[in-house]
Structures are given as C-alpha cells and as structure tokens.
All heavy atoms as atom14 arrays in JSON, in Angstrom:
{
  "sequence": "LFALWGDTHPRATPVIGSLALPGDGLADAAVGARMTASPVLRRAR",
  "atom14_mask": [
    [1, 1, 1, 1, 1, 1, 1, 1, 0, 0, 0, 0, 0, 0],
    [1, 1, 1, 1, 1, 1, 1, 1, 1, 1, 1, 0, 0, 0],
    [1, 1, 1, 1, 1, 0, 0, 0, 0, 0, 0, 0, 0, 0],
    [1, 1, 1, 1, 1, 1, 1, 1, 0, 0, 0, 0, 0, 0],
    [1, 1, 1, 1, 1, 1, 1, 1, 1, 1, 1, 1, 1, 1],
    [1, 1, 1, 1, 0, 0, 0, 0, 0, 0, 0, 0, 0, 0],
    [1, 1, 1, 1, 1, 1, 1, 1, 0, 0, 0, 0, 0, 0],
    [1, 1, 1, 1, 1, 1, 1, 0, 0, 0, 0, 0, 0, 0],
    [1, 1, 1, 1, 1, 1, 1, 1, 1, 1, 0, 0, 0, 0],
    [1, 1, 1, 1, 1, 1, 1, 0, 0, 0, 0, 0, 0, 0],
    [1, 1, 1, 1, 1, 1, 1, 1, 1, 1, 1, 0, 0, 0],
    [1, 1, 1, 1, 1, 0, 0, 0, 0, 0, 0, 0, 0, 0],
    [1, 1, 1, 1, 1, 1, 1, 0, 0, 0, 0, 0, 0, 0],
    [1, 1, 1, 1, 1, 1, 1, 0, 0, 0, 0, 0, 0, 0],
    [1, 1, 1, 1, 1, 1, 1, 0, 0, 0, 0, 0, 0, 0],
    [1, 1, 1, 1, 1, 1, 1, 1, 0, 0, 0, 0, 0, 0],
    [1, 1, 1, 1, 0, 0, 0, 0, 0, 0, 0, 0, 0, 0],
    [1, 1, 1, 1, 1, 1, 0, 0, 0, 0, 0, 0, 0, 0],
    [1, 1, 1, 1, 1, 1, 1, 1, 0, 0, 0, 0, 0, 0],
    [1, 1, 1, 1, 1, 0, 0, 0, 0, 0, 0, 0, 0, 0],
    [1, 1, 1, 1, 1, 1, 1, 1, 0, 0, 0, 0, 0, 0],
    [1, 1, 1, 1, 1, 1, 1, 0, 0, 0, 0, 0, 0, 0],
    [1, 1, 1, 1, 0, 0, 0, 0, 0, 0, 0, 0, 0, 0],
    [1, 1, 1, 1, 1, 1, 1, 1, 0, 0, 0, 0, 0, 0],
    [1, 1, 1, 1, 0, 0, 0, 0, 0, 0, 0, 0, 0, 0],
    [1, 1, 1, 1, 1, 1, 1, 1, 0, 0, 0, 0, 0, 0],
    [1, 1, 1, 1, 1, 0, 0, 0, 0, 0, 0, 0, 0, 0],
    [1, 1, 1, 1, 1, 1, 1, 1, 0, 0, 0, 0, 0, 0],
    [1, 1, 1, 1, 1, 0, 0, 0, 0, 0, 0, 0, 0, 0],
    [1, 1, 1, 1, 1, 0, 0, 0, 0, 0, 0, 0, 0, 0],
    [1, 1, 1, 1, 1, 1, 1, 0, 0, 0, 0, 0, 0, 0],
    [1, 1, 1, 1, 0, 0, 0, 0, 0, 0, 0, 0, 0, 0],
    [1, 1, 1, 1, 1, 0, 0, 0, 0, 0, 0, 0, 0, 0],
    [1, 1, 1, 1, 1, 1, 1, 1, 1, 1, 1, 0, 0, 0],
    [1, 1, 1, 1, 1, 1, 1, 1, 0, 0, 0, 0, 0, 0],
    [1, 1, 1, 1, 1, 1, 1, 0, 0, 0, 0, 0, 0, 0],
    [1, 1, 1, 1, 1, 0, 0, 0, 0, 0, 0, 0, 0, 0],
    [1, 1, 1, 1, 1, 1, 0, 0, 0, 0, 0, 0, 0, 0],
    [1, 1, 1, 1, 1, 1, 1, 0, 0, 0, 0, 0, 0, 0],
    [1, 1, 1, 1, 1, 1, 1, 0, 0, 0, 0, 0, 0, 0],
    [1, 1, 1, 1, 1, 1, 1, 1, 0, 0, 0, 0, 0, 0],
    [1, 1, 1, 1, 1, 1, 1, 1, 1, 1, 1, 0, 0, 0],
    [1, 1, 1, 1, 1, 1, 1, 1, 1, 1, 1, 0, 0, 0],
    [1, 1, 1, 1, 1, 0, 0, 0, 0, 0, 0, 0, 0, 0],
    [1, 1, 1, 1, 1, 1, 1, 1, 1, 1, 1, 0, 0, 0]
  ],
  "atom14_positions": [
    [[-5.32, 11.35, 2.46], [-6.75, 11.21, 2.74], [-7.48, 12.51, 2.47], [-8.5, 12.52, 1.77], [-6.94, 10.79, 4.2], [-8.39, 10.75, 4.72], [-9.2, 9.73, 3.94], [-8.42, 10.45, 6.21], [0.0, 0.0, 0.0], [0.0, 0.0, 0.0], [0.0, 0.0, 0.0], [0.0, 0.0, 0.0], [0.0, 0.0, 0.0], [0.0, 0.0, 0.0]],
    [[-6.98, 13.62, 2.98], [-7.69, 14.89, 2.85], [-7.68, 15.4, 1.41], [-8.55, 16.17, 1.02], [-7.09, 15.92, 3.8], [-7.55, 15.79, 5.21], [-7.19, 14.69, 5.98], [-8.37, 16.74, 5.79], [-7.62, 14.55, 7.29], [-8.8, 16.62, 7.1], [-8.43, 15.52, 7.86], [0.0, 0.0, 0.0], [0.0, 0.0, 0.0], [0.0, 0.0, 0.0]],
    [[-6.69, 14.98, 0.62], [-6.65, 15.41, -0.78], [-7.81, 14.83, -1.58], [-8.16, 15.37, -2.64], [-5.32, 14.99, -1.42], [0.0, 0.0, 0.0], [0.0, 0.0, 0.0], [0.0, 0.0, 0.0], [0.0, 0.0, 0.0], [0.0, 0.0, 0.0], [0.0, 0.0, 0.0], [0.0, 0.0, 0.0], [0.0, 0.0, 0.0], [0.0, 0.0, 0.0]],
    [[-8.44, 13.79, -1.08], [-9.57, 13.19, -1.8], [-10.74, 14.15, -1.91], [-11.55, 14.04, -2.83], [-10.02, 11.9, -1.1], [-9.08, 10.7, -1.24], [-9.57, 9.53, -0.39], [-8.96, 10.28, -2.7], [0.0, 0.0, 0.0], [0.0, 0.0, 0.0], [0.0, 0.0, 0.0], [0.0, 0.0, 0.0], [0.0, 0.0, 0.0], [0.0, 0.0, 0.0]],
    [[-10.88, 15.07, -0.99], [-11.95, 16.07, -1.09], [-11.4, 17.48, -1.26], [-12.05, 18.47, -0.94], [-12.92, 15.99, 0.08], [-12.3, 16.04, 1.45], [-11.94, 17.13, 2.16], [-12.01, 14.91, 2.29], [-11.43, 16.78, 3.37], [-11.47, 15.41, 3.5], [-12.17, 13.52, 2.15], [-11.08, 14.59, 4.53], [-11.76, 12.7, 3.18], [-11.23, 13.23, 4.34]],
    [[-10.16, 17.58, -1.76], [-9.62, 18.87, -2.15], [-9.01, 19.69, -1.04], [-8.69, 20.86, -1.26], [0.0, 0.0, 0.0], [0.0, 0.0, 0.0], [0.0, 0.0, 0.0], [0.0, 0.0, 0.0], [0.0, 0.0, 0.0], [0.0, 0.0, 0.0], [0.0, 0.0, 0.0], [0.0, 0.0, 0.0], [0.0, 0.0, 0.0], [0.0, 0.0, 0.0]],
    [[-8.8, 19.12, 0.14], [-8.19, 19.85, 1.24], [-6.68, 19.58, 1.2], [-6.21, 18.54, 1.63], [-8.78, 19.38, 2.57], [-8.32, 20.25, 3.75], [-7.44, 21.11, 3.54], [-8.85, 20.08, 4.86], [0.0, 0.0, 0.0], [0.0, 0.0, 0.0], [0.0, 0.0, 0.0], [0.0, 0.0, 0.0], [0.0, 0.0, 0.0], [0.0, 0.0, 0.0]],
    [[-5.94, 20.55, 0.65], [-4.5, 20.36, 0.49], [-3.69, 20.84, 1.69], [-2.48, 20.64, 1.73], [-4.01, 21.12, -0.76], [-4.36, 22.5, -0.64], [-4.63, 20.53, -2.01], [0.0, 0.0, 0.0], [0.0, 0.0, 0.0], [0.0, 0.0, 0.0], [0.0, 0.0, 0.0], [0.0, 0.0, 0.0], [0.0, 0.0, 0.0], [0.0, 0.0, 0.0]],
    [[-4.33, 21.46, 2.66], [-3.62, 21.91, 3.87], [-4.41, 21.44, 5.1], [-5.01, 22.23, 5.82], [-3.47, 23.44, 3.9], [-2.67, 23.97, 2.76], [-3.23, 24.31, 1.54], [-1.33, 24.19, 2.64], [-2.27, 24.75, 0.73], [-1.12, 24.68, 1.37], [0.0, 0.0, 0.0], [0.0, 0.0, 0.0], [0.0, 0.0, 0.0], [0.0, 0.0, 0.0]],
    [[-4.43, 20.14, 5.32], [-5.21, 19.62, 6.45], [-4.56, 19.93, 7.79], [-3.33, 20.0, 7.9], [-5.23, 18.11, 6.2], [-3.97, 17.85, 5.44], [-3.75, 19.07, 4.59], [0.0, 0.0, 0.0], [0.0, 0.0, 0.0], [0.0, 0.0, 0.0], [0.0, 0.0, 0.0], [0.0, 0.0, 0.0], [0.0, 0.0, 0.0], [0.0, 0.0, 0.0]],
    [[-5.39, 20.15, 8.79], [-4.87, 20.29, 10.15], [-4.54, 18.9, 10.7], [-4.8, 17.89, 10.06], [-5.92, 20.98, 11.03], [-6.33, 22.36, 10.54], [-7.47, 22.92, 11.35], [-7.1, 23.07, 12.76], [-7.97, 23.35, 13.73], [-9.24, 23.48, 13.45], [-7.55, 23.47, 14.97], [0.0, 0.0, 0.0], [0.0, 0.0, 0.0], [0.0, 0.0, 0.0]],
    [[-3.95, 18.9, 11.88], [-3.57, 17.63, 12.51], [-4.81, 16.94, 13.05], [-4.96, 16.72, 14.26], [-2.55, 17.86, 13.61], [0.0, 0.0, 0.0], [0.0, 0.0, 0.0], [0.0, 0.0, 0.0], [0.0, 0.0, 0.0], [0.0, 0.0, 0.0], [0.0, 0.0, 0.0], [0.0, 0.0, 0.0], [0.0, 0.0, 0.0], [0.0, 0.0, 0.0]],
    [[-5.71, 16.6, 12.14], [-6.97, 15.98, 12.53], [-6.77, 14.5, 12.79], [-6.34, 13.77, 11.89], [-8.02, 16.16, 11.42], [-8.18, 17.55, 11.14], [-9.36, 15.58, 11.85], [0.0, 0.0, 0.0], [0.0, 0.0, 0.0], [0.0, 0.0, 0.0], [0.0, 0.0, 0.0], [0.0, 0.0, 0.0], [0.0, 0.0, 0.0], [0.0, 0.0, 0.0]],
    [[-7.06, 14.02, 13.98], [-6.95, 12.57, 14.23], [-8.13, 11.84, 13.61], [-9.21, 12.4, 13.43], [-6.96, 12.47, 15.76], [-7.77, 13.65, 16.18], [-7.49, 14.76, 15.2], [0.0, 0.0, 0.0], [0.0, 0.0, 0.0], [0.0, 0.0, 0.0], [0.0, 0.0, 0.0], [0.0, 0.0, 0.0], [0.0, 0.0, 0.0], [0.0, 0.0, 0.0]],
    [[-7.9, 10.61, 13.24], [-8.99, 9.76, 12.77], [-9.25, 8.7, 13.82], [-8.33, 8.24, 14.5], [-8.67, 9.12, 11.41], [-8.38, 10.18, 10.37], [-7.51, 8.15, 11.52], [0.0, 0.0, 0.0], [0.0, 0.0, 0.0], [0.0, 0.0, 0.0], [0.0, 0.0, 0.0], [0.0, 0.0, 0.0], [0.0, 0.0, 0.0], [0.0, 0.0, 0.0]],
    [[-10.5, 8.35, 13.98], [-10.86, 7.34, 14.96], [-11.65, 6.25, 14.25], [-12.45, 6.51, 13.35], [-11.69, 7.93, 16.12], [-12.94, 8.63, 15.61], [-10.85, 8.87, 16.96], [-13.88, 9.1, 16.71], [0.0, 0.0, 0.0], [0.0, 0.0, 0.0], [0.0, 0.0, 0.0], [0.0, 0.0, 0.0], [0.0, 0.0, 0.0], [0.0, 0.0, 0.0]],
    [[-11.4, 5.03, 14.62], [-12.09, 3.91, 14.03], [-11.59, 2.61, 14.62], [-10.56, 2.57, 15.3], [0.0, 0.0, 0.0], [0.0, 0.0, 0.0], [0.0, 0.0, 0.0], [0.0, 0.0, 0.0], [0.0, 0.0, 0.0], [0.0, 0.0, 0.0], [0.0, 0.0, 0.0], [0.0, 0.0, 0.0], [0.0, 0.0, 0.0], [0.0, 0.0, 0.0]],
    [[-12.3, 1.56, 14.37], [-11.94, 0.26, 14.91], [-10.84, -0.39, 14.07], [-10.88, -0.35, 12.85], [-13.17, -0.65, 14.94], [-12.81, -1.95, 15.35], [0.0, 0.0, 0.0], [0.0, 0.0, 0.0], [0.0, 0.0, 0.0], [0.0, 0.0, 0.0], [0.0, 0.0, 0.0], [0.0, 0.0, 0.0], [0.0, 0.0, 0.0], [0.0, 0.0, 0.0]],
    [[-9.88, -0.98, 14.76], [-8.85, -1.76, 14.08], [-9.15, -3.26, 14.14], [-8.24, -4.08, 14.02], [-7.47, -1.48, 14.71], [-6.79, -0.19, 14.23], [-5.48, 0.02, 14.97], [-6.57, -0.21, 12.74], [0.0, 0.0, 0.0], [0.0, 0.0, 0.0], [0.0, 0.0, 0.0], [0.0, 0.0, 0.0], [0.0, 0.0, 0.0], [0.0, 0.0, 0.0]],
    [[-10.43, -3.57, 14.33], [-10.82, -4.98, 14.28], [-10.62, -5.5, 12.87], [-10.79, -4.78, 11.88], [-12.28, -5.13, 14.7], [0.0, 0.0, 0.0], [0.0, 0.0, 0.0], [0.0, 0.0, 0.0], [0.0, 0.0, 0.0], [0.0, 0.0, 0.0], [0.0, 0.0, 0.0], [0.0, 0.0, 0.0], [0.0, 0.0, 0.0], [0.0, 0.0, 0.0]],
    [[-10.26, -6.76, 12.76], [-10.04, -7.36, 11.45], [-11.32, -7.34, 10.62], [-12.4, -7.57, 11.15], [-9.55, -8.8, 11.61], [-8.07, -9.01, 11.91], [-7.82, -10.47, 12.21], [-7.22, -8.55, 10.75], [0.0, 0.0, 0.0], [0.0, 0.0, 0.0], [0.0, 0.0, 0.0], [0.0, 0.0, 0.0], [0.0, 0.0, 0.0], [0.0, 0.0, 0.0]],
    [[-11.22, -7.05, 9.31], [-12.41, -7.11, 8.46], [-12.96, -8.53, 8.38], [-12.32, -9.49, 8.81], [-11.88, -6.65, 7.09], [-10.6, -5.95, 7.37], [-10.04, -6.6, 8.59], [0.0, 0.0, 0.0], [0.0, 0.0, 0.0], [0.0, 0.0, 0.0], [0.0, 0.0, 0.0], [0.0, 0.0, 0.0], [0.0, 0.0, 0.0], [0.0, 0.0, 0.0]],
    [[-14.15, -8.66, 7.82], [-14.73, -9.98, 7.62], [-13.88, -10.81, 6.68], [-13.06, -10.3, 5.92], [0.0, 0.0, 0.0], [0.0, 0.0, 0.0], [0.0, 0.0, 0.0], [0.0, 0.0, 0.0], [0.0, 0.0, 0.0], [0.0, 0.0, 0.0], [0.0, 0.0, 0.0], [0.0, 0.0, 0.0], [0.0, 0.0, 0.0], [0.0, 0.0, 0.0]],
    [[-14.09, -12.12, 6.73], [-13.25, -13.03, 5.94], [-13.75, -13.21, 4.52], [-13.38, -14.16, 3.84], [-13.14, -14.39, 6.63], [-14.51, -15.01, 6.87], [-15.53, -14.35, 6.57], [-14.56, -16.14, 7.37], [0.0, 0.0, 0.0], [0.0, 0.0, 0.0], [0.0, 0.0, 0.0], [0.0, 0.0, 0.0], [0.0, 0.0, 0.0], [0.0, 0.0, 0.0]],
    [[-14.6, -12.3, 4.02], [-15.06, -12.38, 2.65], [-16.5, -12.82, 2.55], [-17.23, -12.88, 3.54], [0.0, 0.0, 0.0], [0.0, 0.0, 0.0], [0.0, 0.0, 0.0], [0.0, 0.0, 0.0], [0.0, 0.0, 0.0], [0.0, 0.0, 0.0], [0.0, 0.0, 0.0], [0.0, 0.0, 0.0], [0.0, 0.0, 0.0], [0.0, 0.0, 0.0]],
    [[-16.92, -13.14, 1.32], [-18.29, -13.52, 1.06], [-18.33, -14.93, 0.48], [-17.35, -15.42, -0.08], [-18.92, -12.53, 0.06], [-18.94, -11.06, 0.49], [-19.39, -10.2, -0.66], [-19.84, -10.87, 1.69], [0.0, 0.0, 0.0], [0.0, 0.0, 0.0], [0.0, 0.0, 0.0], [0.0, 0.0, 0.0], [0.0, 0.0, 0.0], [0.0, 0.0, 0.0]],
    [[-19.5, -15.54, 0.59], [-19.67, -16.86, 0.0], [-19.62, -16.77, -1.52], [-19.87, -15.73, -2.11], [-21.01, -17.45, 0.46], [0.0, 0.0, 0.0], [0.0, 0.0, 0.0], [0.0, 0.0, 0.0], [0.0, 0.0, 0.0], [0.0, 0.0, 0.0], [0.0, 0.0, 0.0], [0.0, 0.0, 0.0], [0.0, 0.0, 0.0], [0.0, 0.0, 0.0]],
    [[-19.28, -17.9, -2.15], [-19.16, -17.91, -3.61], [-20.47, -17.5, -4.28], [-20.47, -16.78, -5.28], [-18.76, -19.3, -4.08], [-17.34, -19.66, -3.65], [-16.58, -18.72, -3.33], [-17.01, -20.85, -3.62], [0.0, 0.0, 0.0], [0.0, 0.0, 0.0], [0.0, 0.0, 0.0], [0.0, 0.0, 0.0], [0.0, 0.0, 0.0], [0.0, 0.0, 0.0]],
    [[-21.6, -17.95, -3.73], [-22.89, -17.6, -4.33], [-23.14, -16.1, -4.25], [-23.65, -15.49, -5.19], [-24.01, -18.37, -3.63], [0.0, 0.0, 0.0], [0.0, 0.0, 0.0], [0.0, 0.0, 0.0], [0.0, 0.0, 0.0], [0.0, 0.0, 0.0], [0.0, 0.0, 0.0], [0.0, 0.0, 0.0], [0.0, 0.0, 0.0], [0.0, 0.0, 0.0]],
    [[-22.79, -15.5, -3.12], [-22.98, -14.06, -2.97], [-22.09, -13.29, -3.92], [-22.51, -12.28, -4.51], [-22.7, -13.65, -1.52], [0.0, 0.0, 0.0], [0.0, 0.0, 0.0], [0.0, 0.0, 0.0], [0.0, 0.0, 0.0], [0.0, 0.0, 0.0], [0.0, 0.0, 0.0], [0.0, 0.0, 0.0], [0.0, 0.0, 0.0], [0.0, 0.0, 0.0]],
    [[-20.85, -13.76, -4.11], [-19.94, -13.08, -5.03], [-20.46, -13.17, -6.46], [-20.46, -12.19, -7.21], [-18.53, -13.7, -4.93], [-17.64, -13.18, -6.04], [-17.92, -13.38, -3.57], [0.0, 0.0, 0.0], [0.0, 0.0, 0.0], [0.0, 0.0, 0.0], [0.0, 0.0, 0.0], [0.0, 0.0, 0.0], [0.0, 0.0, 0.0], [0.0, 0.0, 0.0]],
    [[-20.92, -14.36, -6.85], [-21.46, -14.52, -8.2], [-22.67, -13.64, -8.46], [-22.82, -13.07, -9.55], [0.0, 0.0, 0.0], [0.0, 0.0, 0.0], [0.0, 0.0, 0.0], [0.0, 0.0, 0.0], [0.0, 0.0, 0.0], [0.0, 0.0, 0.0], [0.0, 0.0, 0.0], [0.0, 0.0, 0.0], [0.0, 0.0, 0.0], [0.0, 0.0, 0.0]],
    [[-23.53, -13.52, -7.45], [-24.71, -12.68, -7.62], [-24.35, -11.21, -7.74], [-24.96, -10.47, -8.51], [-25.67, -12.92, -6.45], [0.0, 0.0, 0.0], [0.0, 0.0, 0.0], [0.0, 0.0, 0.0], [0.0, 0.0, 0.0], [0.0, 0.0, 0.0], [0.0, 0.0, 0.0], [0.0, 0.0, 0.0], [0.0, 0.0, 0.0], [0.0, 0.0, 0.0]],
    [[-23.35, -10.78, -6.97], [-22.97, -9.37, -6.99], [-22.16, -9.01, -8.23], [-22.16, -7.86, -8.66], [-22.17, -9.03, -5.75], [-22.93, -9.13, -4.45], [-24.01, -8.11, -4.35], [-23.52, -6.75, -4.48], [-24.28, -5.67, -4.36], [-25.57, -5.81, -4.11], [-23.77, -4.46, -4.49], [0.0, 0.0, 0.0], [0.0, 0.0, 0.0], [0.0, 0.0, 0.0]],
    [[-21.47, -9.97, -8.82], [-20.63, -9.67, -9.98], [-21.44, -9.16, -11.16], [-20.98, -8.33, -11.93], [-19.83, -10.91, -10.39], [-18.57, -11.12, -9.59], [-17.6, -12.51, -10.21], [-17.24, -11.96, -11.88], [0.0, 0.0, 0.0], [0.0, 0.0, 0.0], [0.0, 0.0, 0.0], [0.0, 0.0, 0.0], [0.0, 0.0, 0.0], [0.0, 0.0, 0.0]],
    [[-22.66, -9.65, -11.31], [-23.49, -9.19, -12.43], [-23.83, -7.71, -12.31], [-24.12, -7.06, -13.32], [-24.79, -10.01, -12.49], [-25.49, -9.89, -11.24], [-24.48, -11.48, -12.73], [0.0, 0.0, 0.0], [0.0, 0.0, 0.0], [0.0, 0.0, 0.0], [0.0, 0.0, 0.0], [0.0, 0.0, 0.0], [0.0, 0.0, 0.0], [0.0, 0.0, 0.0]],
    [[-23.8, -7.17, -11.09], [-24.09, -5.76, -10.87], [-22.84, -4.92, -10.79], [-22.92, -3.73, -10.48], [-24.92, -5.58, -9.59], [0.0, 0.0, 0.0], [0.0, 0.0, 0.0], [0.0, 0.0, 0.0], [0.0, 0.0, 0.0], [0.0, 0.0, 0.0], [0.0, 0.0, 0.0], [0.0, 0.0, 0.0], [0.0, 0.0, 0.0], [0.0, 0.0, 0.0]],
    [[-21.69, -5.51, -11.08], [-20.43, -4.76, -11.0], [-20.46, -3.59, -11.97], [-20.83, -3.76, -13.15], [-19.26, -5.68, -11.32], [-18.07, -4.94, -11.47], [0.0, 0.0, 0.0], [0.0, 0.0, 0.0], [0.0, 0.0, 0.0], [0.0, 0.0, 0.0], [0.0, 0.0, 0.0], [0.0, 0.0, 0.0], [0.0, 0.0, 0.0], [0.0, 0.0, 0.0]],
    [[-20.09, -2.39, -11.55], [-20.1, -1.24, -12.47], [-19.14, -1.41, -13.63], [-19.38, -0.9, -14.72], [-19.7, -0.07, -11.56], [-19.02, -0.68, -10.39], [-19.66, -2.01, -10.19], [0.0, 0.0, 0.0], [0.0, 0.0, 0.0], [0.0, 0.0, 0.0], [0.0, 0.0, 0.0], [0.0, 0.0, 0.0], [0.0, 0.0, 0.0], [0.0, 0.0, 0.0]],
    [[-18.04, -2.13, -13.42], [-17.1, -2.37, -14.52], [-17.75, -3.2, -15.61], [-17.65, -2.89, -16.81], [-15.83, -3.07, -13.98], [-14.87, -3.38, -15.12], [-15.16, -2.21, -12.93], [0.0, 0.0, 0.0], [0.0, 0.0, 0.0], [0.0, 0.0, 0.0], [0.0, 0.0, 0.0], [0.0, 0.0, 0.0], [0.0, 0.0, 0.0], [0.0, 0.0, 0.0]],
    [[-18.45, -4.27, -15.21], [-19.11, -5.13, -16.18], [-20.29, -4.41, -16.84], [-20.52, -4.56, -18.04], [-19.59, -6.4, -15.48], [-19.79, -7.65, -16.34], [-18.52, -7.98, -17.09], [-20.24, -8.81, -15.49], [0.0, 0.0, 0.0], [0.0, 0.0, 0.0], [0.0, 0.0, 0.0], [0.0, 0.0, 0.0], [0.0, 0.0, 0.0], [0.0, 0.0, 0.0]],
    [[-21.01, -3.64, -16.07], [-22.14, -2.9, -16.62], [-21.66, -1.88, -17.66], [-22.29, -1.7, -18.7], [-22.9, -2.2, -15.5], [-24.13, -1.43, -15.97], [-24.98, -0.99, -14.79], [-26.11, -0.21, -15.24], [-26.12, 1.12, -15.32], [-25.04, 1.8, -14.97], [-27.17, 1.77, -15.75], [0.0, 0.0, 0.0], [0.0, 0.0, 0.0], [0.0, 0.0, 0.0]],
    [[-20.55, -1.24, -17.4], [-19.99, -0.27, -18.36], [-19.62, -0.96, -19.66], [-19.85, -0.42, -20.76], [-18.77, 0.39, -17.74], [-18.06, 1.42, -18.63], [-18.96, 2.58, -18.91], [-18.25, 3.7, -19.52], [-17.85, 3.76, -20.79], [-18.09, 2.75, -21.61], [-17.23, 4.83, -21.24], [0.0, 0.0, 0.0], [0.0, 0.0, 0.0], [0.0, 0.0, 0.0]],
    [[-19.07, -2.16, -19.6], [-18.71, -2.9, -20.81], [-19.95, -3.33, -21.58], [-19.95, -3.31, -22.83], [-17.85, -4.11, -20.44], [0.0, 0.0, 0.0], [0.0, 0.0, 0.0], [0.0, 0.0, 0.0], [0.0, 0.0, 0.0], [0.0, 0.0, 0.0], [0.0, 0.0, 0.0], [0.0, 0.0, 0.0], [0.0, 0.0, 0.0], [0.0, 0.0, 0.0]],
    [[-21.0, -3.72, -20.88], [-22.25, -4.09, -21.57], [-22.85, -2.88, -22.28], [-23.37, -3.0, -23.4], [-23.25, -4.65, -20.56], [-22.87, -6.0, -19.97], [-24.07, -6.63, -19.29], [-23.69, -7.77, -18.48], [-23.56, -7.74, -17.17], [-23.77, -6.62, -16.51], [-23.21, -8.82, -16.5], [0.0, 0.0, 0.0], [0.0, 0.0, 0.0], [0.0, 0.0, 0.0]]
  ]
}
C-alpha cells in the first residue's frame, strides 16, 4: 500500500475502515451509460 506513493519504509501504521460488504453492483442501464465514458474506450477512440 505505502509503495503506491513512494514510501518504501512505512511505519506500523494501522488502517481503519469499514468491513461492510460493498454494494451489489449497478443496474444494466447505469453500466451502459458509464461505459461510454470509460477511459479505456476513450483512449481507443
């Protein structure tokens, strides 16, 4: 985790956050609408 921002000698830093289950996804219409804005697809265009 800490290597993502260049910290190669991290201290024993605890992380805190909820372990609640993520949402069960998005509706098909919402996925279709968001796919057109996908950076992967935009890069290909």
